[in-house]
Protein backbone atom coordinates (compact mmCIF):
# COMPACT_ATOMS: atom_id res chain seq x y z
CA MET A 1 40.12 80.28 94.39
CA ARG A 2 40.02 77.43 91.84
CA LEU A 3 41.92 79.68 89.41
CA PHE A 4 44.69 80.20 91.95
CA LYS A 5 44.84 76.45 92.62
CA ASN A 6 45.21 75.72 88.88
CA LEU A 7 47.95 78.33 88.55
CA LYS A 8 49.72 76.88 91.58
CA SER A 9 49.48 73.34 90.16
CA LYS A 10 50.87 74.46 86.78
CA ALA A 11 53.73 76.25 88.54
CA TYR A 12 54.66 73.05 90.39
CA ARG A 13 54.62 71.05 87.15
CA LEU A 14 56.80 73.64 85.39
CA PHE A 15 59.24 73.56 88.30
CA ALA A 16 59.37 69.75 88.16
CA ILE A 17 60.08 69.81 84.42
CA CYS A 18 62.92 72.29 84.94
CA ILE A 19 64.45 70.09 87.65
CA ALA A 20 64.20 67.04 85.37
CA CYS A 21 65.94 68.91 82.57
CA LEU A 22 68.77 69.77 84.88
CA LEU A 23 69.16 66.17 86.03
CA VAL A 24 69.24 64.66 82.53
CA PRO A 25 72.72 64.97 80.91
CA HIS A 26 72.57 66.95 77.71
CA PHE A 27 75.33 67.96 75.32
CA ALA A 28 73.96 70.59 72.97
CA GLN A 29 76.51 70.43 70.17
CA ALA A 30 77.16 67.50 67.85
CA GLN A 31 79.59 64.98 69.38
CA THR A 32 82.29 62.88 67.75
CA LEU A 33 84.13 59.72 68.71
CA THR A 34 87.63 60.13 70.06
CA SER A 35 88.79 57.32 67.74
CA ASP A 36 87.81 53.90 66.51
CA GLN A 37 90.92 52.55 68.30
CA ILE A 38 90.76 53.48 71.98
CA THR A 39 93.42 52.80 74.61
CA VAL A 40 92.57 53.27 78.29
CA ASN A 41 94.90 53.37 81.29
CA GLU A 42 92.35 52.38 83.94
CA ASN A 43 90.38 49.21 84.55
CA VAL A 44 87.17 51.07 83.60
CA VAL A 45 86.01 52.83 80.43
CA ARG A 46 84.62 56.34 80.87
CA LEU A 47 82.33 58.38 78.65
CA SER A 48 85.16 60.74 77.64
CA ASP A 49 87.25 57.75 76.52
CA ILE A 50 84.72 57.08 73.76
CA PHE A 51 83.15 60.45 72.96
CA ASP A 52 84.89 63.79 72.71
CA VAL A 53 82.92 65.42 75.53
CA THR A 54 83.58 67.58 78.57
CA GLY A 55 81.48 68.45 81.57
CA PRO A 56 80.19 66.77 84.73
CA PHE A 57 79.28 63.47 83.02
CA SER A 58 82.45 63.04 80.96
CA ASP A 59 84.09 60.96 83.72
CA ASP A 60 81.11 58.64 84.15
CA LYS A 61 82.14 54.99 84.33
CA LEU A 62 80.41 53.02 81.59
CA PHE A 63 81.75 49.49 82.00
CA GLN A 64 84.77 47.41 82.95
CA ALA A 65 87.83 47.72 80.70
CA PRO A 66 89.04 44.60 78.86
CA PRO A 67 91.53 42.39 80.73
CA LEU A 68 95.19 43.26 80.24
CA GLY A 69 96.50 42.02 76.93
CA ARG A 70 93.01 41.57 75.45
CA LYS A 71 90.65 43.74 73.38
CA GLY A 72 87.02 44.77 73.71
CA VAL A 73 84.68 45.75 70.87
CA LEU A 74 81.75 48.17 70.79
CA SER A 75 79.30 47.83 67.90
CA VAL A 76 77.53 50.79 66.31
CA ASN A 77 74.38 49.83 68.22
CA ASN A 78 76.35 49.93 71.48
CA LEU A 79 77.54 53.42 70.60
CA LYS A 80 74.01 54.56 69.75
CA THR A 81 72.74 53.23 73.08
CA ILE A 82 75.40 55.14 75.02
CA ALA A 83 74.76 58.29 72.99
CA ALA A 84 71.01 58.06 73.61
CA LYS A 85 71.48 57.52 77.35
CA TYR A 86 73.49 60.72 77.61
CA ASP A 87 71.41 62.60 75.02
CA LEU A 88 74.45 63.00 72.75
CA ASP A 89 73.93 64.42 69.28
CA TRP A 90 76.11 61.79 67.59
CA GLN A 91 75.98 60.84 63.94
CA ASN A 92 78.19 58.10 62.50
CA ILE A 93 79.66 60.41 59.87
CA HIS A 94 82.82 58.27 59.51
CA ASN A 95 80.78 55.10 58.96
CA TYR A 96 82.55 53.22 61.73
CA THR A 97 81.48 49.60 62.04
CA LYS A 98 82.98 49.17 65.49
CA VAL A 99 85.23 50.70 68.12
CA THR A 100 88.07 48.61 69.53
CA ILE A 101 89.13 49.18 73.14
CA THR A 102 92.45 48.03 74.57
CA ARG A 103 93.93 48.58 77.98
CA LYS A 104 97.40 50.11 78.03
CA ALA A 105 99.72 47.51 79.51
CA ARG A 106 103.37 47.06 80.43
CA LEU A 107 104.96 43.69 79.73
CA ILE A 108 107.75 42.60 82.06
CA ASP A 109 109.47 39.67 80.38
CA TYR A 110 112.76 37.88 81.04
CA ASP A 111 114.92 40.58 79.44
CA ALA A 112 112.99 43.39 81.14
CA ILE A 113 113.35 41.92 84.64
CA LYS A 114 117.08 41.40 84.05
CA ASN A 115 117.46 45.09 83.15
CA ILE A 116 115.39 46.13 86.18
CA ILE A 117 117.58 44.05 88.51
CA ALA A 118 120.79 45.36 86.92
CA ASP A 119 119.65 48.99 87.30
CA TYR A 120 118.60 48.38 90.90
CA ALA A 121 121.94 46.76 91.81
CA PHE A 122 123.88 49.59 90.19
CA GLU A 123 121.78 52.43 91.64
CA ASN A 124 122.03 50.94 95.14
CA GLN A 125 125.81 50.41 94.75
CA TYR A 126 125.75 46.63 95.03
CA VAL A 127 127.92 46.67 91.90
CA SER A 128 130.13 49.40 90.49
CA GLY A 129 131.63 50.36 87.15
CA ASP A 130 129.68 50.73 83.94
CA ALA A 131 125.97 49.91 84.36
CA SER A 132 125.73 48.93 80.69
CA LYS A 133 128.30 46.17 81.36
CA THR A 134 126.38 44.62 84.26
CA ARG A 135 124.96 41.24 83.23
CA VAL A 136 122.12 39.46 85.03
CA ASN A 137 120.99 35.86 84.63
CA LEU A 138 118.13 34.24 86.56
CA THR A 139 118.49 30.77 88.03
CA ASN A 140 114.75 30.10 88.25
CA GLN A 141 112.12 30.21 85.50
CA PHE A 142 110.49 33.61 85.03
CA ASN A 143 106.94 33.84 83.71
CA ASN A 144 106.00 37.09 81.99
CA ILE A 145 104.14 39.70 84.05
CA THR A 146 101.60 42.00 82.39
CA ILE A 147 100.48 44.99 84.44
CA ALA A 148 98.60 48.18 83.68
CA ALA A 149 100.91 50.88 82.38
CA ASN A 150 99.91 53.28 85.15
CA ASP A 151 100.67 50.59 87.76
CA PHE A 152 104.31 50.21 86.72
CA ALA A 153 105.28 52.92 89.21
CA LYS A 154 104.11 50.52 91.95
CA PHE A 155 106.54 47.81 90.82
CA GLU A 156 108.97 47.30 93.71
CA ILE A 157 112.09 45.32 94.57
CA SER A 158 112.65 44.42 98.22
CA ASN A 159 114.60 41.98 100.41
CA PHE A 160 117.52 42.27 97.99
CA VAL A 161 120.52 40.16 99.03
CA TYR A 162 123.77 40.18 97.05
CA ARG A 163 126.78 37.89 97.65
CA PRO A 164 129.79 39.44 95.86
CA PHE A 165 132.06 36.43 96.46
CA ASN A 166 129.98 34.34 94.04
CA ASP A 167 127.88 37.06 92.30
CA GLN A 168 124.60 35.48 93.44
CA PHE A 169 121.52 37.48 94.46
CA SER A 170 117.96 36.96 95.65
CA ALA A 171 115.09 39.44 95.79
CA LYS A 172 111.35 39.86 96.17
CA ILE A 173 109.42 41.68 93.45
CA SER A 174 105.96 43.15 94.13
CA TYR A 175 103.44 44.51 91.64
CA THR A 176 99.75 45.40 91.27
CA ILE A 177 97.21 43.72 88.96
CA ASP A 178 93.60 44.96 89.05
CA ASP A 179 94.15 46.65 92.42
CA LYS A 180 95.47 43.41 93.92
CA ARG A 181 99.01 43.28 95.28
CA LYS A 182 101.08 40.29 94.17
CA SER A 183 104.68 39.20 94.72
CA ARG A 184 107.17 36.52 93.79
CA GLN A 185 110.72 35.53 94.69
CA ILE A 186 113.54 35.55 92.14
CA SER A 187 117.24 34.67 92.29
CA GLY A 188 120.19 34.64 89.95
CA VAL A 189 123.66 35.95 89.22
CA ILE A 190 124.86 39.52 88.71
CA GLU A 191 128.16 39.81 86.88
CA ASN A 192 130.11 43.03 86.56
CA MET A 193 131.56 42.62 83.08
CA VAL A 194 134.71 44.19 81.66
CA SER A 195 135.95 44.44 78.05
CA VAL A 196 139.27 42.67 77.59
CA PRO A 197 141.47 42.90 74.46
CA VAL A 198 142.48 39.55 72.96
CA LEU A 199 144.20 38.36 69.81
CA ALA A 200 141.93 37.46 66.90
CA THR A 201 144.32 34.72 65.71
CA ASN A 202 147.13 32.68 67.23
CA LEU A 203 150.42 34.57 67.44
CA ARG A 204 153.85 33.00 67.08
CA ARG A 205 156.84 33.84 69.19
CA ASP A 206 158.50 37.19 68.35
CA GLU A 207 155.62 38.30 66.11
CA ILE A 208 154.81 41.99 66.49
CA ILE A 209 151.22 42.75 67.47
CA LYS A 210 149.30 45.17 65.25
CA ALA A 211 145.99 46.96 65.87
CA SER A 212 144.36 44.68 63.30
CA ASN A 213 145.23 41.68 65.52
CA ILE A 214 143.05 42.95 68.39
CA LYS A 215 139.48 41.96 69.26
CA TYR A 216 137.49 42.39 72.48
CA ILE A 217 135.64 39.91 74.66
CA ARG A 218 133.59 40.50 77.82
CA LEU A 219 134.53 38.72 81.03
CA ASN A 220 133.37 38.76 84.61
CA ASN A 221 135.55 41.36 86.31
CA ARG A 222 135.94 39.12 89.36
CA ARG A 223 137.57 36.42 87.21
CA VAL A 224 140.11 38.66 85.49
CA ALA A 225 143.57 38.17 87.01
CA ALA A 226 145.59 41.18 88.12
CA ASN A 227 148.26 40.61 85.43
CA ILE A 228 145.78 40.61 82.50
CA VAL A 229 146.25 43.52 80.08
CA LEU A 230 143.05 45.62 79.87
CA ASN A 231 144.16 48.31 77.40
CA ALA A 232 144.88 47.49 73.76
CA GLU A 233 147.47 50.30 73.70
CA ASP A 234 149.57 48.22 76.09
CA ILE A 235 149.61 45.32 73.62
CA ILE A 236 149.97 46.96 70.21
CA GLY A 237 153.59 47.31 69.12
CA LYS A 238 154.87 44.63 71.47
CA SER A 239 155.75 41.10 70.47
CA ALA A 240 154.99 37.65 71.80
CA ARG A 241 157.49 36.26 74.27
CA ASN A 242 156.09 32.81 73.47
CA ASN A 243 153.22 31.55 71.33
CA ILE A 244 149.91 33.21 72.32
CA ARG A 245 146.54 31.55 71.71
CA ALA A 246 143.68 33.48 70.15
CA MET A 247 140.59 34.74 72.02
CA LEU A 248 142.18 34.34 75.46
CA PRO A 249 143.10 37.16 77.88
CA VAL A 250 146.71 38.27 77.40
CA SER A 251 148.86 38.42 80.53
CA GLU A 252 151.77 40.83 80.85
CA ASN A 253 154.33 38.03 81.09
CA LEU A 254 153.39 36.86 77.56
CA LEU A 255 154.55 40.17 76.06
CA LYS A 256 157.84 41.88 75.51
CA PHE A 257 159.02 44.96 73.70
CA ALA A 258 159.38 44.11 70.05
CA ASP A 259 162.89 43.41 68.81
CA LEU A 260 163.49 46.13 66.23
CA VAL A 261 166.97 44.84 65.45
CA LYS A 262 167.65 41.14 65.09
CA LYS A 263 170.99 39.35 65.33
CA ASN A 264 172.97 38.98 62.07
CA THR A 265 170.82 41.45 60.14
CA ILE A 266 172.29 44.40 58.25
CA ILE A 267 171.29 47.68 59.88
CA THR A 268 171.84 51.40 59.39
CA LEU A 269 174.31 52.70 61.97
CA GLN A 270 174.22 56.42 62.60
CA PHE A 271 177.12 58.62 63.65
CA ARG A 272 176.25 62.16 64.71
CA LEU A 273 178.35 65.06 65.90
CA GLY A 274 176.45 68.31 66.13
CA ARG A 275 174.98 68.95 62.71
CA ILE A 276 177.21 66.38 61.08
CA GLN A 277 175.51 63.04 60.47
CA LEU A 278 176.94 59.93 58.86
CA ASN A 279 175.09 56.71 58.11
CA ILE A 280 176.97 53.49 57.46
CA LYS A 281 176.07 49.83 57.15
CA ALA A 282 176.69 47.52 60.10
CA ARG A 283 175.85 44.00 61.15
CA ALA A 284 173.92 43.45 64.38
CA LEU A 285 175.73 40.98 66.61
CA THR A 286 172.91 40.90 69.19
CA THR A 287 169.15 41.38 69.19
CA GLY A 288 167.50 44.37 70.83
CA ALA A 289 164.26 46.33 71.30
CA GLU A 290 163.95 50.11 71.09
CA GLY A 291 166.37 51.77 73.52
CA ALA A 292 168.36 48.58 74.09
CA ILE A 293 172.15 48.55 73.86
CA ILE A 294 173.39 46.11 71.23
CA ARG A 295 176.78 45.11 69.83
CA VAL A 296 177.32 45.88 66.13
CA LEU A 297 180.09 45.30 63.57
CA ASN A 298 181.16 48.27 61.42
CA LEU A 299 181.37 46.71 57.96
CA GLN A 300 183.81 49.40 56.72
CA SER A 301 186.34 49.32 59.56
CA GLY A 302 185.67 45.82 60.85
CA LYS A 303 185.47 47.16 64.42
CA GLN A 304 182.87 46.12 66.99
CA ILE A 305 181.13 48.93 68.86
CA ASP A 306 178.12 49.47 71.14
CA ALA A 307 175.00 51.16 69.79
CA ILE A 308 171.48 51.97 70.94
CA VAL A 309 168.48 50.75 68.94
CA THR A 310 166.47 53.71 67.61
CA GLY A 311 164.08 52.02 65.16
CA ILE A 312 163.53 49.06 62.89
CA ASP A 313 167.00 47.99 61.67
CA GLN A 314 168.42 51.28 62.94
CA ALA A 315 170.85 52.17 65.71
CA MET A 316 173.05 55.04 66.85
CA THR A 317 176.52 54.80 68.30
CA ILE A 318 176.71 55.45 72.04
CA ASN A 319 179.63 57.85 71.51
CA SER A 320 177.41 59.95 69.23
CA ILE A 321 174.80 60.25 71.94
CA LYS A 322 177.36 61.17 74.60
CA LYS A 323 179.08 63.75 72.41
CA ASN A 324 175.76 65.31 71.37
CA ALA A 325 174.74 65.54 75.01
CA LYS A 326 178.05 67.23 75.86
CA ILE A 327 177.66 69.73 72.99
CA ALA A 328 174.11 70.52 74.11
CA SER A 329 175.25 71.14 77.71
CA ASN A 330 177.93 73.56 76.54
């Protein structure tokens, strides 16, 4: 009977040892560090963040992660302690002196919050046009916000109020820091900007505008008058009706079609009849833009006739145009 009792006692001890072996974490193969520079997304550091391990204990929480924007350091002794606790076969083959841990963060500064507000206003149709030309300025001081990178999805804008008559807005922003919800109120101005062509230098009366004269400035669309020219193509080739100042929006009433023929200048006058073409010299008695009817003096015959301006210092007799039209109709 004593023999059976001894066997039974040994069986219980063997069973207890087996259970203990199952409860103690053990990683049979040699383990390595994930890196000596570790970045974590959570507010805790797990075993698998430090060691390249898998299994039921890899997600064990070891300690609190460093505060956002700061770093934590593990010494070699710290690493050995963790390895021993989890029975890891770790050797410092890379001769690391420490492991630095940082928490992945997202900084929301003044420029970032302006972009967030601009995108929100555009996506929710508070403003229209080109989103890249929407400009935001805050009226109150904005202190930087640092949140965990994985908490950025919880960043919210609410109670948004926009007043288009003066471009002002107000809104509430909410965000999460260390599982705590925080909020603050912001206000400012949203301007829907538009690119406007202007003259790079002052332009005198009757000067013809070239492409090289054009520059662009950005203005609040609400402050651009209806008669302001928005396309450079509508300026180039025209001339100044009066003096035009540089770097100011150009209104339509400041422009006119360029005078291609000026009074008292010698021009080429063209006579055409079918395929027959004759060019003679004439004096312009009036000034005119392209397509304008001017009075010219035929220097050979001394007669005054009407002609249509066709180019710089060039015109064609009206009779030539009428006769060519008649020939074409026949």
